[in-house]
PDB file of all heavy atoms in Angstrom:
ATOM      1  N   HIS A   1     102.650  80.365 100.423  1.00  0.00           N
ATOM      2  CA  HIS A   1     103.688  79.930 101.355  1.00  0.00           C
ATOM      3  C   HIS A   1     104.694  79.019 100.636  1.00  0.00           C
ATOM      4  O   HIS A   1     104.351  78.355  99.666  1.00  0.00           O
ATOM      5  CB  HIS A   1     103.020  79.178 102.519  1.00  0.00           C
ATOM      6  CG  HIS A   1     103.934  78.926 103.657  1.00  0.00           C
ATOM      7  ND1 HIS A   1     104.787  77.854 103.685  1.00  0.00           N
ATOM      8  CD2 HIS A   1     104.131  79.611 104.808  1.00  0.00           C
ATOM      9  CE1 HIS A   1     105.472  77.874 104.808  1.00  0.00           C
ATOM     10  NE2 HIS A   1     105.095  78.935 105.510  1.00  0.00           N
ATOM     11  N   THR A   2     105.906  78.984 101.148  1.00  0.00           N
ATOM     12  CA  THR A   2     106.939  78.141 100.543  1.00  0.00           C
ATOM     13  C   THR A   2     106.596  76.654 100.603  1.00  0.00           C
ATOM     14  O   THR A   2     107.153  75.865  99.844  1.00  0.00           O
ATOM     15  CB  THR A   2     108.304  78.379 101.220  1.00  0.00           C
ATOM     16  OG1 THR A   2     108.151  78.212 102.625  1.00  0.00           O
ATOM     17  CG2 THR A   2     108.816  79.771 100.912  1.00  0.00           C
ATOM     18  N   ASN A   3     105.681  76.267 101.477  1.00  0.00           N
ATOM     19  CA  ASN A   3     105.238  74.869 101.560  1.00  0.00           C
ATOM     20  C   ASN A   3     104.024  74.591 100.692  1.00  0.00           C
ATOM     21  O   ASN A   3     103.384  73.557 100.847  1.00  0.00           O
ATOM     22  CB  ASN A   3     104.923  74.493 103.010  1.00  0.00           C
ATOM     23  CG  ASN A   3     106.166  74.460 103.864  1.00  0.00           C
ATOM     24  OD1 ASN A   3     107.260  74.271 103.364  1.00  0.00           O
ATOM     25  ND2 ASN A   3     106.001  74.665 105.154  1.00  0.00           N
ATOM     26  N   ALA A   4     103.683  75.482  99.796  1.00  0.00           N
ATOM     27  CA  ALA A   4     102.468  75.341  98.987  1.00  0.00           C
ATOM     28  C   ALA A   4     102.704  74.550  97.702  1.00  0.00           C
ATOM     29  O   ALA A   4     102.070  74.789  96.687  1.00  0.00           O
ATOM     30  CB  ALA A   4     101.895  76.714  98.661  1.00  0.00           C
ATOM     31  N   ASP A   5     103.625  73.614  97.736  1.00  0.00           N
ATOM     32  CA  ASP A   5     103.924  72.750  96.591  1.00  0.00           C
ATOM     33  C   ASP A   5     104.189  73.552  95.327  1.00  0.00           C
ATOM     34  O   ASP A   5     105.055  74.384  95.301  1.00  0.00           O
ATOM     35  CB  ASP A   5     102.812  71.723  96.381  1.00  0.00           C
ATOM     36  CG  ASP A   5     102.712  70.751  97.553  1.00  0.00           C
ATOM     37  OD1 ASP A   5     103.756  70.470  98.166  1.00  0.00           O
ATOM     38  OD2 ASP A   5     101.605  70.296  97.848  1.00  0.00           O
ATOM     39  N   ARG A   6     103.387  73.330  94.304  1.00  0.00           N
ATOM     40  CA  ARG A   6     103.631  73.926  92.985  1.00  0.00           C
ATOM     41  C   ARG A   6     103.432  75.439  92.947  1.00  0.00           C
ATOM     42  O   ARG A   6     103.858  76.084  92.010  1.00  0.00           O
ATOM     43  CB  ARG A   6     102.721  73.271  91.945  1.00  0.00           C
ATOM     44  CG  ARG A   6     103.039  71.822  91.742  1.00  0.00           C
ATOM     45  CD  ARG A   6     102.157  71.235  90.655  1.00  0.00           C
ATOM     46  NE  ARG A   6     102.300  69.798  90.680  1.00  0.00           N
ATOM     47  CZ  ARG A   6     101.320  68.959  90.930  1.00  0.00           C
ATOM     48  NH1 ARG A   6     100.109  69.412  91.150  1.00  0.00           N
ATOM     49  NH2 ARG A   6     101.536  67.673  90.947  1.00  0.00           N
ATOM     50  N   LYS A   7     102.761  75.999  93.918  1.00  0.00           N
ATOM     51  CA  LYS A   7     102.475  77.440  93.905  1.00  0.00           C
ATOM     52  C   LYS A   7     103.421  78.248  94.789  1.00  0.00           C
ATOM     53  O   LYS A   7     103.282  79.462  94.887  1.00  0.00           O
ATOM     54  CB  LYS A   7     101.033  77.684  94.330  1.00  0.00           C
ATOM     55  CG  LYS A   7     100.026  77.204  93.307  1.00  0.00           C
ATOM     56  CD  LYS A   7      98.687  77.831  93.593  1.00  0.00           C
ATOM     57  CE  LYS A   7      97.718  77.563  92.508  1.00  0.00           C
ATOM     58  NZ  LYS A   7      97.802  78.517  91.410  1.00  0.00           N
ATOM     59  N   ALA A   8     104.377  77.618  95.413  1.00  0.00           N
ATOM     60  CA  ALA A   8     105.265  78.301  96.360  1.00  0.00           C
ATOM     61  C   ALA A   8     105.816  79.596  95.779  1.00  0.00           C
ATOM     62  O   ALA A   8     106.343  79.628  94.674  1.00  0.00           O
ATOM     63  CB  ALA A   8     106.410  77.379  96.759  1.00  0.00           C
ATOM     64  N   LEU A   9     105.625  80.669  96.527  1.00  0.00           N
ATOM     65  CA  LEU A   9     106.085  82.022  96.230  1.00  0.00           C
ATOM     66  C   LEU A   9     105.401  82.695  95.045  1.00  0.00           C
ATOM     67  O   LEU A   9     105.697  83.842  94.742  1.00  0.00           O
ATOM     68  CB  LEU A   9     107.608  82.075  96.059  1.00  0.00           C
ATOM     69  CG  LEU A   9     108.418  81.687  97.302  1.00  0.00           C
ATOM     70  CD1 LEU A   9     109.900  81.768  96.999  1.00  0.00           C
ATOM     71  CD2 LEU A   9     108.067  82.554  98.495  1.00  0.00           C
ATOM     72  N   GLN A  10     104.455  82.029  94.406  1.00  0.00           N
ATOM     73  CA  GLN A  10     103.666  82.705  93.374  1.00  0.00           C
ATOM     74  C   GLN A  10     102.732  83.690  94.063  1.00  0.00           C
ATOM     75  O   GLN A  10     102.277  83.467  95.186  1.00  0.00           O
ATOM     76  CB  GLN A  10     102.831  81.702  92.573  1.00  0.00           C
ATOM     77  CG  GLN A  10     103.636  80.796  91.681  1.00  0.00           C
ATOM     78  CD  GLN A  10     102.750  79.827  90.931  1.00  0.00           C
ATOM     79  OE1 GLN A  10     101.581  80.109  90.660  1.00  0.00           O
ATOM     80  NE2 GLN A  10     103.294  78.667  90.609  1.00  0.00           N
ATOM     81  N   TYR A  11     102.431  84.777  93.374  1.00  0.00           N
ATOM     82  CA  TYR A  11     101.513  85.754  93.945  1.00  0.00           C
ATOM     83  C   TYR A  11     100.085  85.243  93.868  1.00  0.00           C
ATOM     84  O   TYR A  11      99.688  84.569  92.917  1.00  0.00           O
ATOM     85  CB  TYR A  11     101.629  87.098  93.213  1.00  0.00           C
ATOM     86  CG  TYR A  11     102.897  87.817  93.553  1.00  0.00           C
ATOM     87  CD1 TYR A  11     103.978  87.807  92.681  1.00  0.00           C
ATOM     88  CD2 TYR A  11     103.025  88.480  94.764  1.00  0.00           C
ATOM     89  CE1 TYR A  11     105.156  88.458  93.016  1.00  0.00           C
ATOM     90  CE2 TYR A  11     104.198  89.128  95.096  1.00  0.00           C
ATOM     91  CZ  TYR A  11     105.264  89.106  94.213  1.00  0.00           C
ATOM     92  OH  TYR A  11     106.423  89.744  94.556  1.00  0.00           O
ATOM     93  N   LEU A  12      99.304  85.576  94.898  1.00  0.00           N
ATOM     94  CA  LEU A  12      97.883  85.246  94.901  1.00  0.00           C
ATOM     95  C   LEU A  12      97.184  86.060  93.828  1.00  0.00           C
ATOM     96  O   LEU A  12      97.602  87.193  93.537  1.00  0.00           O
ATOM     97  CB  LEU A  12      97.246  85.575  96.255  1.00  0.00           C
ATOM     98  CG  LEU A  12      97.885  84.988  97.515  1.00  0.00           C
ATOM     99  CD1 LEU A  12      97.101  85.434  98.737  1.00  0.00           C
ATOM    100  CD2 LEU A  12      97.964  83.490  97.449  1.00  0.00           C
ATOM    101  N   ASP A  13      96.103  85.524  93.279  1.00  0.00           N
ATOM    102  CA  ASP A  13      95.334  86.350  92.348  1.00  0.00           C
ATOM    103  C   ASP A  13      94.605  87.426  93.159  1.00  0.00           C
ATOM    104  O   ASP A  13      94.400  87.296  94.362  1.00  0.00           O
ATOM    105  CB  ASP A  13      94.382  85.517  91.496  1.00  0.00           C
ATOM    106  CG  ASP A  13      93.297  84.825  92.299  1.00  0.00           C
ATOM    107  OD1 ASP A  13      92.491  85.533  92.940  1.00  0.00           O
ATOM    108  OD2 ASP A  13      93.233  83.578  92.266  1.00  0.00           O
ATOM    109  N   SER A  14      94.235  88.494  92.487  1.00  0.00           N
ATOM    110  CA  SER A  14      93.643  89.659  93.159  1.00  0.00           C
ATOM    111  C   SER A  14      92.382  89.313  93.935  1.00  0.00           C
ATOM    112  O   SER A  14      92.160  89.829  95.029  1.00  0.00           O
ATOM    113  CB  SER A  14      93.327  90.749  92.135  1.00  0.00           C
ATOM    114  OG  SER A  14      94.504  91.214  91.549  1.00  0.00           O
ATOM    115  N   GLU A  15      91.558  88.434  93.383  1.00  0.00           N
ATOM    116  CA  GLU A  15      90.302  88.064  94.058  1.00  0.00           C
ATOM    117  C   GLU A  15      90.568  87.361  95.384  1.00  0.00           C
ATOM    118  O   GLU A  15      89.948  87.675  96.401  1.00  0.00           O
ATOM    119  CB  GLU A  15      89.483  87.164  93.134  1.00  0.00           C
ATOM    120  CG  GLU A  15      88.135  86.787  93.706  1.00  0.00           C
ATOM    121  CD  GLU A  15      87.359  85.888  92.760  1.00  0.00           C
ATOM    122  OE1 GLU A  15      87.346  86.155  91.546  1.00  0.00           O
ATOM    123  OE2 GLU A  15      86.762  84.916  93.260  1.00  0.00           O
ATOM    124  N   PHE A  16      91.481  86.419  95.396  1.00  0.00           N
ATOM    125  CA  PHE A  16      91.816  85.683  96.621  1.00  0.00           C
ATOM    126  C   PHE A  16      92.444  86.645  97.637  1.00  0.00           C
ATOM    127  O   PHE A  16      92.125  86.614  98.828  1.00  0.00           O
ATOM    128  CB  PHE A  16      92.749  84.530  96.291  1.00  0.00           C
ATOM    129  CG  PHE A  16      92.981  83.526  97.395  1.00  0.00           C
ATOM    130  CD1 PHE A  16      92.180  83.476  98.537  1.00  0.00           C
ATOM    131  CD2 PHE A  16      93.988  82.593  97.280  1.00  0.00           C
ATOM    132  CE1 PHE A  16      92.396  82.545  99.541  1.00  0.00           C
ATOM    133  CE2 PHE A  16      94.223  81.651  98.269  1.00  0.00           C
ATOM    134  CZ  PHE A  16      93.432  81.631  99.396  1.00  0.00           C
ATOM    135  N   TRP A  17      93.329  87.526  97.171  1.00  0.00           N
ATOM    136  CA  TRP A  17      93.963  88.494  98.059  1.00  0.00           C
ATOM    137  C   TRP A  17      92.927  89.439  98.679  1.00  0.00           C
ATOM    138  O   TRP A  17      92.953  89.692  99.884  1.00  0.00           O
ATOM    139  CB  TRP A  17      95.039  89.257  97.304  1.00  0.00           C
ATOM    140  CG  TRP A  17      95.762  90.268  98.126  1.00  0.00           C
ATOM    141  CD1 TRP A  17      95.766  91.609  97.937  1.00  0.00           C
ATOM    142  CD2 TRP A  17      96.578  90.028  99.279  1.00  0.00           C
ATOM    143  NE1 TRP A  17      96.541  92.228  98.897  1.00  0.00           N
ATOM    144  CE2 TRP A  17      97.048  91.273  99.736  1.00  0.00           C
ATOM    145  CE3 TRP A  17      96.948  88.884  99.973  1.00  0.00           C
ATOM    146  CZ2 TRP A  17      97.881  91.409 100.841  1.00  0.00           C
ATOM    147  CZ3 TRP A  17      97.781  89.025 101.094  1.00  0.00           C
ATOM    148  CH2 TRP A  17      98.226  90.269 101.508  1.00  0.00           C
ATOM    149  N   LEU A  18      92.005  89.941  97.867  1.00  0.00           N
ATOM    150  CA  LEU A  18      90.943  90.808  98.396  1.00  0.00           C
ATOM    151  C   LEU A  18      90.096  90.063  99.418  1.00  0.00           C
ATOM    152  O   LEU A  18      89.687  90.631 100.431  1.00  0.00           O
ATOM    153  CB  LEU A  18      90.061  91.334  97.265  1.00  0.00           C
ATOM    154  CG  LEU A  18      90.576  92.548  96.521  1.00  0.00           C
ATOM    155  CD1 LEU A  18      89.708  92.837  95.298  1.00  0.00           C
ATOM    156  CD2 LEU A  18      90.639  93.767  97.424  1.00  0.00           C
ATOM    157  N   HIS A  19      89.826  88.799  99.149  1.00  0.00           N
ATOM    158  CA  HIS A  19      89.056  87.985 100.096  1.00  0.00           C
ATOM    159  C   HIS A  19      89.798  87.883 101.435  1.00  0.00           C
ATOM    160  O   HIS A  19      89.190  88.026 102.500  1.00  0.00           O
ATOM    161  CB  HIS A  19      88.798  86.593  99.510  1.00  0.00           C
ATOM    162  CG  HIS A  19      88.134  85.682 100.460  1.00  0.00           C
ATOM    163  ND1 HIS A  19      86.783  85.773 100.747  1.00  0.00           N
ATOM    164  CD2 HIS A  19      88.628  84.673 101.232  1.00  0.00           C
ATOM    165  CE1 HIS A  19      86.481  84.852 101.640  1.00  0.00           C
ATOM    166  NE2 HIS A  19      87.570  84.181 101.952  1.00  0.00           N
ATOM    167  N   GLN A  20      91.101  87.652 101.384  1.00  0.00           N
ATOM    168  CA  GLN A  20      91.878  87.558 102.620  1.00  0.00           C
ATOM    169  C   GLN A  20      91.851  88.882 103.385  1.00  0.00           C
ATOM    170  O   GLN A  20      91.627  88.898 104.602  1.00  0.00           O
ATOM    171  CB  GLN A  20      93.316  87.149 102.309  1.00  0.00           C
ATOM    172  CG  GLN A  20      93.437  85.713 101.865  1.00  0.00           C
ATOM    173  CD  GLN A  20      94.870  85.283 101.710  1.00  0.00           C
ATOM    174  OE1 GLN A  20      95.812  86.048 101.961  1.00  0.00           O
ATOM    175  NE2 GLN A  20      95.070  84.056 101.285  1.00  0.00           N
ATOM    176  N   LEU A  21      92.077  89.971 102.676  1.00  0.00           N
ATOM    177  CA  LEU A  21      92.042  91.280 103.332  1.00  0.00           C
ATOM    178  C   LEU A  21      90.680  91.560 103.962  1.00  0.00           C
ATOM    179  O   LEU A  21      90.599  92.068 105.088  1.00  0.00           O
ATOM    180  CB  LEU A  21      92.382  92.383 102.324  1.00  0.00           C
ATOM    181  CG  LEU A  21      93.825  92.438 101.831  1.00  0.00           C
ATOM    182  CD1 LEU A  21      93.941  93.428 100.681  1.00  0.00           C
ATOM    183  CD2 LEU A  21      94.783  92.782 102.963  1.00  0.00           C
ATOM    184  N   THR A  22      89.620  91.231 103.263  1.00  0.00           N
ATOM    185  CA  THR A  22      88.262  91.471 103.768  1.00  0.00           C
ATOM    186  C   THR A  22      87.967  90.618 104.990  1.00  0.00           C
ATOM    187  O   THR A  22      87.384  91.092 105.966  1.00  0.00           O
ATOM    188  CB  THR A  22      87.227  91.226 102.655  1.00  0.00           C
ATOM    189  OG1 THR A  22      87.540  92.068 101.548  1.00  0.00           O
ATOM    190  CG2 THR A  22      85.814  91.512 103.125  1.00  0.00           C
ATOM    191  N   THR A  23      88.390  89.368 104.962  1.00  0.00           N
ATOM    192  CA  THR A  23      88.178  88.478 106.111  1.00  0.00           C
ATOM    193  C   THR A  23      88.888  89.026 107.345  1.00  0.00           C
ATOM    194  O   THR A  23      88.295  89.114 108.429  1.00  0.00           O
ATOM    195  CB  THR A  23      88.684  87.054 105.790  1.00  0.00           C
ATOM    196  OG1 THR A  23      87.954  86.547 104.669  1.00  0.00           O
ATOM    197  CG2 THR A  23      88.511  86.125 106.981  1.00  0.00           C
ATOM    198  N   VAL A  24      90.132  89.413 107.172  1.00  0.00           N
ATOM    199  CA  VAL A  24      90.900  89.959 108.297  1.00  0.00           C
ATOM    200  C   VAL A  24      90.292  91.279 108.771  1.00  0.00           C
ATOM    201  O   VAL A  24      90.195  91.531 109.975  1.00  0.00           O
ATOM    202  CB  VAL A  24      92.387  90.105 107.899  1.00  0.00           C
ATOM    203  CG1 VAL A  24      93.156  90.938 108.904  1.00  0.00           C
ATOM    204  CG2 VAL A  24      93.011  88.722 107.753  1.00  0.00           C
ATOM    205  N   TYR A  25      89.857  92.097 107.851  1.00  0.00           N
ATOM    206  CA  TYR A  25      89.214  93.370 108.211  1.00  0.00           C
ATOM    207  C   TYR A  25      87.978  93.133 109.087  1.00  0.00           C
ATOM    208  O   TYR A  25      87.772  93.830 110.079  1.00  0.00           O
ATOM    209  CB  TYR A  25      88.843  94.126 106.941  1.00  0.00           C
ATOM    210  CG  TYR A  25      88.140  95.436 107.187  1.00  0.00           C
ATOM    211  CD1 TYR A  25      88.860  96.569 107.551  1.00  0.00           C
ATOM    212  CD2 TYR A  25      86.759  95.536 107.058  1.00  0.00           C
ATOM    213  CE1 TYR A  25      88.216  97.777 107.776  1.00  0.00           C
ATOM    214  CE2 TYR A  25      86.115  96.742 107.275  1.00  0.00           C
ATOM    215  CZ  TYR A  25      86.844  97.852 107.636  1.00  0.00           C
ATOM    216  OH  TYR A  25      86.203  99.047 107.864  1.00  0.00           O
ATOM    217  N   ARG A  26      87.181  92.141 108.724  1.00  0.00           N
ATOM    218  CA  ARG A  26      85.946  91.844 109.469  1.00  0.00           C
ATOM    219  C   ARG A  26      86.228  91.269 110.853  1.00  0.00           C
ATOM    220  O   ARG A  26      85.485  91.515 111.792  1.00  0.00           O
ATOM    221  CB  ARG A  26      85.096  90.831 108.701  1.00  0.00           C
ATOM    222  CG  ARG A  26      84.318  91.368 107.549  1.00  0.00           C
ATOM    223  CD  ARG A  26      83.308  90.361 106.977  1.00  0.00           C
ATOM    224  NE  ARG A  26      83.413  89.024 107.515  1.00  0.00           N
ATOM    225  CZ  ARG A  26      83.921  87.961 106.865  1.00  0.00           C
ATOM    226  NH1 ARG A  26      84.370  88.089 105.644  1.00  0.00           N
ATOM    227  NH2 ARG A  26      83.970  86.779 107.441  1.00  0.00           N
ATOM    228  N   MET A  27      87.305  90.501 110.994  1.00  0.00           N
ATOM    229  CA  MET A  27      87.493  89.709 112.203  1.00  0.00           C
ATOM    230  C   MET A  27      88.628  90.174 113.118  1.00  0.00           C
ATOM    231  O   MET A  27      88.711  89.719 114.249  1.00  0.00           O
ATOM    232  CB  MET A  27      87.745  88.243 111.826  1.00  0.00           C
ATOM    233  CG  MET A  27      86.589  87.590 111.096  1.00  0.00           C
ATOM    234  SD  MET A  27      86.859  85.830 110.847  1.00  0.00           S
ATOM    235  CE  MET A  27      86.638  85.233 112.544  1.00  0.00           C
ATOM    236  N   CYS A  28      89.503  91.038 112.624  1.00  0.00           N
ATOM    237  CA  CYS A  28      90.708  91.375 113.391  1.00  0.00           C
ATOM    238  C   CYS A  28      90.829  92.875 113.633  1.00  0.00           C
ATOM    239  O   CYS A  28      89.959  93.641 113.236  1.00  0.00           O
ATOM    240  CB  CYS A  28      91.945  90.852 112.649  1.00  0.00           C
ATOM    241  SG  CYS A  28      91.937  89.047 112.446  1.00  0.00           S
ATOM    242  N   ASP A  29      91.920  93.238 114.258  1.00  0.00           N
ATOM    243  CA  ASP A  29      92.144  94.634 114.647  1.00  0.00           C
ATOM    244  C   ASP A  29      93.163  95.343 113.769  1.00  0.00           C
ATOM    245  O   ASP A  29      93.502  96.494 114.021  1.00  0.00           O
ATOM    246  CB  ASP A  29      92.616  94.673 116.109  1.00  0.00           C
ATOM    247  CG  ASP A  29      91.608  94.002 117.022  1.00  0.00           C
ATOM    248  OD1 ASP A  29      90.479  94.515 117.122  1.00  0.00           O
ATOM    249  OD2 ASP A  29      91.940  92.940 117.596  1.00  0.00           O
ATOM    250  N   GLY A  30      93.641  94.681 112.759  1.00  0.00           N
ATOM    251  CA  GLY A  30      94.635  95.244 111.858  1.00  0.00           C
ATOM    252  C   GLY A  30      95.253  94.118 111.058  1.00  0.00           C
ATOM    253  O   GLY A  30      94.802  92.972 111.124  1.00  0.00           O
ATOM    254  N   VAL A  31      96.296  94.437 110.316  1.00  0.00           N
ATOM    255  CA  VAL A  31      96.982  93.428 109.508  1.00  0.00           C
ATOM    256  C   VAL A  31      98.426  93.857 109.298  1.00  0.00           C
ATOM    257  O   VAL A  31      98.731  95.054 109.254  1.00  0.00           O
ATOM    258  CB  VAL A  31      96.270  93.214 108.145  1.00  0.00           C
ATOM    259  CG1 VAL A  31      96.314  94.463 107.289  1.00  0.00           C
ATOM    260  CG2 VAL A  31      96.835  92.016 107.396  1.00  0.00           C
TER     261      VAL A  31
END
């Protein structure tokens, strides 16, 4: 996020991104 201080707009690493996708997959109806 743009409010993420030093990391603003940097891409997430693949592991963190996969974790986010998996969490949403388990708990939600889409993304």
